[in-house]
N, C-alpha and C. Protein backbone atom coordinates (compact mmCIF):
# COMPACT_ATOMS: atom_id res chain seq x y z
N MET A 1 150.51 54.63 77.80
CA MET A 1 151.55 55.66 78.02
C MET A 1 150.84 56.95 77.53
N LYS A 2 151.03 57.99 78.23
CA LYS A 2 150.56 59.33 77.97
C LYS A 2 151.79 60.21 77.77
N ALA A 3 151.47 61.34 77.10
CA ALA A 3 152.66 62.34 76.94
C ALA A 3 151.99 63.66 77.22
N ALA A 4 153.00 64.63 77.64
CA ALA A 4 152.47 65.85 77.97
C ALA A 4 153.62 66.85 77.73
N ARG A 5 153.12 68.13 77.49
CA ARG A 5 154.10 69.10 77.40
C ARG A 5 153.82 70.19 78.34
N PHE A 6 154.95 70.71 79.17
CA PHE A 6 154.74 71.64 80.22
C PHE A 6 155.57 72.89 79.87
N LEU A 7 155.00 74.07 79.96
CA LEU A 7 155.70 75.33 79.84
C LEU A 7 155.81 75.92 81.33
N VAL A 8 157.06 76.00 81.91
CA VAL A 8 157.13 76.55 83.18
C VAL A 8 157.70 77.98 83.20
N SER A 9 157.19 78.97 83.70
CA SER A 9 157.65 80.33 83.86
C SER A 9 157.86 80.59 85.18
N GLY A 10 158.70 81.71 85.23
CA GLY A 10 159.14 82.25 86.66
C GLY A 10 160.77 82.31 86.55
N ARG A 11 161.41 82.09 87.63
CA ARG A 11 162.77 82.07 87.77
C ARG A 11 163.08 80.55 87.73
N VAL A 12 163.33 80.10 86.40
CA VAL A 12 163.55 78.72 86.19
C VAL A 12 164.73 78.47 85.26
N GLN A 13 165.45 79.53 84.88
CA GLN A 13 166.71 79.37 84.16
C GLN A 13 167.81 79.71 84.97
N GLY A 14 168.92 78.99 84.98
CA GLY A 14 170.22 79.24 85.76
C GLY A 14 169.98 78.83 87.22
N VAL A 15 169.02 78.01 87.55
CA VAL A 15 168.80 77.48 88.86
C VAL A 15 168.78 76.03 88.86
N ARG A 16 169.38 75.36 88.02
CA ARG A 16 169.36 73.85 88.08
C ARG A 16 168.02 73.20 87.78
N PHE A 17 167.22 73.94 87.16
CA PHE A 17 165.77 73.45 86.91
C PHE A 17 165.79 72.39 86.01
N ARG A 18 166.44 72.33 84.97
CA ARG A 18 166.37 71.34 83.91
C ARG A 18 167.08 69.99 84.50
N ALA A 19 168.18 70.11 85.17
CA ALA A 19 168.92 69.12 85.70
C ALA A 19 168.12 68.41 86.68
N SER A 20 167.41 69.31 87.75
CA SER A 20 166.51 68.60 88.64
C SER A 20 165.36 67.99 87.97
N THR A 21 164.78 68.66 87.09
CA THR A 21 163.77 67.93 86.27
C THR A 21 164.08 66.64 85.79
N ARG A 22 165.30 66.44 85.16
CA ARG A 22 165.72 65.26 84.68
C ARG A 22 165.77 64.18 85.75
N GLU A 23 166.30 64.61 86.95
CA GLU A 23 166.46 63.69 88.24
C GLU A 23 165.08 63.18 88.46
N GLN A 24 164.05 64.11 88.51
CA GLN A 24 162.75 63.78 88.84
C GLN A 24 162.13 62.74 87.93
N ALA A 25 162.22 63.14 86.64
CA ALA A 25 161.73 62.43 85.57
C ALA A 25 162.35 60.89 85.43
N GLN A 26 163.62 60.71 85.76
CA GLN A 26 164.28 59.46 85.85
C GLN A 26 163.75 58.86 86.98
N ARG A 27 163.63 59.31 88.10
CA ARG A 27 163.22 58.76 89.25
C ARG A 27 161.63 58.09 89.07
N LEU A 28 160.85 58.95 88.25
CA LEU A 28 159.42 58.49 87.94
C LEU A 28 159.35 57.53 86.57
N GLY A 29 160.41 57.30 86.11
CA GLY A 29 160.48 56.28 84.97
C GLY A 29 160.00 57.04 83.68
N LEU A 30 160.14 58.32 83.49
CA LEU A 30 159.62 59.15 82.35
C LEU A 30 160.70 59.28 81.21
N ASP A 31 160.31 59.26 79.99
CA ASP A 31 161.21 59.65 78.95
C ASP A 31 160.72 61.14 78.68
N GLY A 32 161.80 61.88 77.94
CA GLY A 32 161.48 63.16 77.40
C GLY A 32 162.68 64.04 77.40
N ARG A 33 162.44 65.40 77.71
CA ARG A 33 163.46 66.35 77.63
C ARG A 33 163.03 67.55 78.42
N ALA A 34 163.89 68.32 79.00
CA ALA A 34 163.59 69.62 79.36
C ALA A 34 164.70 70.70 78.68
N THR A 35 164.05 71.80 78.20
CA THR A 35 164.77 72.54 77.24
C THR A 35 164.43 74.27 77.73
N ASN A 36 165.56 75.03 77.86
CA ASN A 36 165.46 76.46 78.14
C ASN A 36 164.84 77.09 76.71
N LEU A 37 163.93 77.88 76.85
CA LEU A 37 163.33 78.67 75.86
C LEU A 37 163.95 80.06 75.71
N VAL A 38 164.02 80.68 74.63
CA VAL A 38 164.56 82.20 74.66
C VAL A 38 163.78 83.08 75.41
N ASP A 39 162.47 82.95 75.73
CA ASP A 39 161.64 83.70 76.46
C ASP A 39 161.72 83.56 78.06
N GLY A 40 162.73 82.76 78.33
CA GLY A 40 162.97 82.60 79.85
C GLY A 40 162.32 81.42 80.46
N ARG A 41 161.34 80.81 79.74
CA ARG A 41 160.58 79.61 80.22
C ARG A 41 161.39 78.30 79.94
N VAL A 42 161.07 77.34 80.63
CA VAL A 42 161.52 75.88 80.44
C VAL A 42 160.33 75.13 79.87
N GLU A 43 160.58 74.36 78.72
CA GLU A 43 159.82 73.50 78.21
C GLU A 43 160.10 72.06 78.58
N VAL A 44 159.05 71.43 79.14
CA VAL A 44 159.30 69.91 79.56
C VAL A 44 158.33 69.09 78.70
N VAL A 45 158.86 68.11 78.03
CA VAL A 45 158.16 67.13 77.33
C VAL A 45 158.20 65.80 77.98
N ALA A 46 157.31 65.16 78.29
CA ALA A 46 157.56 63.85 79.06
C ALA A 46 156.49 62.82 78.57
N ILE A 47 156.87 61.49 78.55
CA ILE A 47 155.82 60.47 78.21
C ILE A 47 156.18 59.41 79.26
N GLY A 48 155.02 58.83 79.67
CA GLY A 48 154.98 57.65 80.64
C GLY A 48 153.65 57.41 81.13
N PRO A 49 153.57 56.74 82.31
CA PRO A 49 152.22 56.42 82.93
C PRO A 49 151.58 57.67 83.31
N ALA A 50 150.21 57.78 83.32
CA ALA A 50 149.64 59.10 83.74
C ALA A 50 149.90 59.52 85.15
N HIS A 51 150.01 58.59 85.99
CA HIS A 51 150.15 58.96 87.35
C HIS A 51 151.72 59.50 87.58
N ALA A 52 152.51 58.98 86.76
CA ALA A 52 153.85 59.71 86.81
C ALA A 52 154.03 60.89 86.27
N LEU A 53 153.15 61.25 85.33
CA LEU A 53 153.07 62.60 84.67
C LEU A 53 152.42 63.55 85.78
N GLU A 54 151.43 63.07 86.35
CA GLU A 54 150.76 63.99 87.40
C GLU A 54 151.75 64.26 88.56
N GLU A 55 152.48 63.30 88.98
CA GLU A 55 153.60 63.63 90.01
C GLU A 55 154.51 64.58 89.48
N LEU A 56 155.01 64.54 88.22
CA LEU A 56 156.02 65.34 87.62
C LEU A 56 155.36 66.79 87.57
N GLU A 57 154.17 66.83 87.23
CA GLU A 57 153.45 68.16 87.19
C GLU A 57 153.45 68.91 88.63
N ARG A 58 153.13 67.97 89.59
CA ARG A 58 153.02 68.57 90.93
C ARG A 58 154.54 69.11 91.34
N TRP A 59 155.66 68.33 90.91
CA TRP A 59 157.06 68.79 91.20
C TRP A 59 157.43 70.08 90.58
N LEU A 60 156.98 70.29 89.35
CA LEU A 60 157.20 71.28 88.37
C LEU A 60 156.68 72.59 88.98
N ARG A 61 155.51 72.41 89.61
CA ARG A 61 154.91 73.73 90.32
C ARG A 61 155.74 74.22 91.45
N VAL A 62 156.51 73.53 91.94
CA VAL A 62 157.73 73.91 92.98
C VAL A 62 158.95 74.09 92.51
N GLY A 63 159.44 73.02 91.90
CA GLY A 63 160.84 73.08 91.31
C GLY A 63 161.83 72.90 92.38
N PRO A 64 163.15 73.11 92.01
CA PRO A 64 164.18 72.92 92.87
C PRO A 64 164.32 74.08 93.91
N PRO A 65 164.88 74.06 95.03
CA PRO A 65 164.95 75.19 96.06
C PRO A 65 165.37 76.64 95.40
N GLN A 66 166.22 76.69 94.55
CA GLN A 66 166.59 78.01 93.89
C GLN A 66 165.43 78.64 92.99
N ALA A 67 164.63 77.78 92.55
CA ALA A 67 163.64 78.29 91.41
C ALA A 67 162.54 79.04 92.26
N ARG A 68 161.81 79.83 91.26
CA ARG A 68 160.56 80.54 91.73
C ARG A 68 159.73 80.34 90.58
N VAL A 69 158.84 79.23 90.81
CA VAL A 69 157.88 79.01 89.69
C VAL A 69 156.59 79.86 89.96
N GLU A 70 156.28 80.61 88.70
CA GLU A 70 155.21 81.38 88.71
C GLU A 70 153.95 80.81 88.09
N ALA A 71 154.05 80.02 87.02
CA ALA A 71 153.05 79.31 86.36
C ALA A 71 153.53 78.07 85.72
N VAL A 72 152.63 77.07 85.43
CA VAL A 72 152.90 75.85 84.64
C VAL A 72 151.70 75.69 83.80
N GLU A 73 151.77 75.63 82.47
CA GLU A 73 150.91 75.28 81.52
C GLU A 73 151.18 73.92 80.97
N ARG A 74 150.04 73.26 80.81
CA ARG A 74 150.22 71.75 80.38
C ARG A 74 149.21 71.63 79.09
N ASP A 75 149.76 70.84 77.97
CA ASP A 75 148.90 70.34 77.06
C ASP A 75 149.49 69.20 76.56
N ALA A 76 148.66 68.49 75.75
CA ALA A 76 148.95 67.04 75.29
C ALA A 76 150.15 67.33 74.21
N HIS A 77 150.89 66.29 74.16
CA HIS A 77 152.21 66.28 73.16
C HIS A 77 151.98 65.12 72.28
N ALA A 78 152.10 65.49 70.88
CA ALA A 78 151.86 64.25 70.04
C ALA A 78 153.10 63.94 69.31
N GLY A 79 154.17 64.60 69.44
CA GLY A 79 155.39 64.51 68.78
C GLY A 79 156.27 63.29 69.37
N PRO A 80 157.35 62.92 68.66
CA PRO A 80 158.13 61.83 69.08
C PRO A 80 158.97 62.19 70.29
N VAL A 81 159.18 61.27 71.14
CA VAL A 81 160.13 61.55 72.33
C VAL A 81 161.05 60.35 72.41
N THR A 82 162.33 60.65 72.46
CA THR A 82 163.34 59.60 72.56
C THR A 82 163.56 58.90 73.83
N ALA A 83 164.04 57.80 73.86
CA ALA A 83 164.07 57.09 75.31
C ALA A 83 165.10 57.84 76.16
N GLY A 84 164.84 57.72 77.34
CA GLY A 84 165.65 58.44 78.32
C GLY A 84 165.19 59.81 78.56
N PHE A 85 165.85 60.78 79.34
CA PHE A 85 165.40 62.06 79.61
C PHE A 85 166.61 62.86 79.32
N GLY A 86 166.40 63.85 78.50
CA GLY A 86 167.61 64.72 78.08
C GLY A 86 167.37 66.05 78.39
N ILE A 87 168.49 66.87 78.35
CA ILE A 87 168.34 68.33 78.57
C ILE A 87 168.83 68.97 77.28
N GLY A 88 168.04 70.14 77.03
CA GLY A 88 168.35 70.78 75.69
C GLY A 88 168.57 72.16 75.95
């Protein structure tokens, strides 16, 4: 199992980004969460197989139809992640 933290910037709040991310993560069998940040970005923390994290990252770079993703930053995540995929 691998863990990753993604910071997604652009037009990513108010466009169903977190809910769509949860749907993608659940489809991929990932645990984690998607949270709006006060600076307008969305933080996504996910844990699961490396290939599933790679697929999630590809999806995050596009997002749902209403979103306009400008950048995705990825780093390792060492903190705890609860089972399932939540929205914060």
